[in-house]
Amino acid sequence: MTYDNGSIALALAALGHESRLAIFRLLVRAGHDGLTVGDIAAHIGIAPSTLAHHLKALVDVGLVRQERKGRNIINRADFDAMEATVAFLSKECCVGVSIAQGDAA
């Protein structure tokens, strides 16, 4: 995954939905072991079809990885993607901004 304005915007948009944010935070707490879809549903309390929709959105933007183990699908937060998103937002913190002559209103 490349971490540019576009990919970060998509990741943040995906996290901008209350249910997806709750799912992602749960997976972050679960750590590298991850959780099955059933485990996530039990914690979050949403219907399986709705959960599948939200997981797909998180997978599509690279924040969640899925792995099939037998009959189960294990969902894990992609910590590299999470760290890249946070770093993207904070890497220029407090570096200052100067206004060019033509930018002043």
Protein backbone atom coordinates (compact mmCIF):
# COMPACT_ATOMS: atom_id res chain seq x y z
CA MET A 1 0.00 0.00 0.00
CA THR A 2 1.26 3.46 -0.82
CA TYR A 3 0.62 6.12 1.76
CA ASP A 4 -0.28 9.25 -0.14
CA ASN A 5 -3.05 11.80 0.30
CA GLY A 6 -5.49 9.60 -1.63
CA SER A 7 -4.90 6.35 0.27
CA ILE A 8 -4.87 8.10 3.63
CA ALA A 9 -8.10 9.92 2.76
CA LEU A 10 -9.74 6.59 1.90
CA ALA A 11 -8.55 5.03 5.16
CA LEU A 12 -9.84 7.97 7.18
CA ALA A 13 -13.15 7.92 5.29
CA ALA A 14 -13.56 4.23 6.13
CA LEU A 15 -12.86 4.96 9.79
CA GLY A 16 -15.33 7.86 9.64
CA HIS A 17 -18.25 5.46 10.10
CA GLU A 18 -19.09 4.69 13.72
CA SER A 19 -19.44 0.92 13.23
CA ARG A 20 -16.23 0.61 11.20
CA LEU A 21 -14.34 2.63 13.78
CA ALA A 22 -15.66 0.35 16.54
CA ILE A 23 -14.65 -2.76 14.54
CA PHE A 24 -11.18 -1.42 13.86
CA ARG A 25 -10.61 -0.41 17.48
CA LEU A 26 -11.72 -3.87 18.59
CA LEU A 27 -9.27 -5.50 16.18
CA VAL A 28 -6.49 -3.23 17.42
CA ARG A 29 -7.23 -4.36 20.99
CA ALA A 30 -7.25 -8.00 19.83
CA GLY A 31 -3.69 -7.60 18.58
CA HIS A 32 -1.96 -9.93 16.16
CA ASP A 33 -4.22 -12.88 17.07
CA GLY A 34 -7.19 -11.15 15.45
CA LEU A 35 -10.82 -12.17 15.76
CA THR A 36 -13.29 -14.24 13.78
CA VAL A 37 -16.34 -12.62 12.26
CA GLY A 38 -18.45 -14.28 14.97
CA ASP A 39 -16.26 -12.86 17.72
CA ILE A 40 -16.50 -9.37 16.24
CA ALA A 41 -20.28 -9.67 15.91
CA ALA A 42 -20.56 -10.77 19.54
CA HIS A 43 -18.56 -7.76 20.74
CA ILE A 44 -20.04 -5.13 18.45
CA GLY A 45 -23.59 -6.47 18.31
CA ILE A 46 -24.37 -5.95 14.62
CA ALA A 47 -25.92 -8.34 12.11
CA PRO A 48 -23.49 -10.60 10.19
CA SER A 49 -24.43 -9.16 6.80
CA THR A 50 -23.87 -5.60 8.03
CA LEU A 51 -20.60 -6.67 9.64
CA ALA A 52 -19.43 -8.25 6.38
CA HIS A 53 -20.12 -4.97 4.58
CA HIS A 54 -18.11 -2.95 7.10
CA LEU A 55 -15.23 -5.45 7.15
CA LYS A 56 -15.06 -5.33 3.35
CA ALA A 57 -14.74 -1.55 3.48
CA LEU A 58 -11.86 -1.83 5.97
CA VAL A 59 -10.17 -4.57 3.94
CA ASP A 60 -10.55 -2.57 0.71
CA VAL A 61 -8.61 0.39 2.14
CA GLY A 62 -5.93 -1.86 3.65
CA LEU A 63 -6.67 -1.34 7.34
CA VAL A 64 -7.75 -4.95 7.95
CA ARG A 65 -6.26 -8.20 6.69
CA GLN A 66 -8.22 -11.44 6.52
CA GLU A 67 -6.93 -15.00 6.65
CA ARG A 68 -8.95 -18.18 6.24
CA LYS A 69 -8.25 -20.83 8.87
CA GLY A 70 -10.43 -23.83 8.19
CA ARG A 71 -14.01 -22.63 8.26
CA ASN A 72 -13.17 -19.37 10.01
CA ILE A 73 -11.94 -16.08 8.66
CA ILE A 74 -9.53 -14.37 11.02
CA ASN A 75 -9.58 -10.58 10.83
CA ARG A 76 -6.56 -8.58 11.96
CA ALA A 77 -5.80 -4.89 12.05
CA ASP A 78 -2.96 -4.04 9.67
CA PHE A 79 -0.71 -2.28 12.15
CA ASP A 80 1.66 -1.03 9.44
CA ALA A 81 -1.25 0.72 7.69
CA MET A 82 -2.52 2.10 11.00
CA GLU A 83 0.91 3.44 11.94
CA ALA A 84 1.39 4.94 8.47
CA THR A 85 -1.96 6.71 8.74
CA VAL A 86 -1.13 8.18 12.14
CA ALA A 87 2.39 9.12 10.99
CA PHE A 88 0.99 10.79 7.87
CA LEU A 89 -1.19 12.99 10.06
CA SER A 90 1.48 13.84 12.59
CA LYS A 91 4.75 13.98 10.63
CA GLU A 92 4.54 17.71 9.97
CA CYS A 93 3.16 18.67 13.36
CA CYS A 94 4.23 22.13 14.42
CA VAL A 95 6.74 22.67 11.59
CA GLY A 96 5.18 26.01 10.85
CA VAL A 97 3.47 27.44 7.82
CA SER A 98 4.46 30.53 5.93
CA ILE A 99 2.09 32.45 3.73
CA ALA A 100 3.43 33.32 0.30
CA GLN A 101 2.84 36.83 -1.03
CA GLY A 102 0.08 35.68 -3.41
CA ASP A 103 -1.65 33.54 -0.74
CA ALA A 104 -2.65 36.38 1.61
CA ALA A 105 -6.24 37.47 1.34
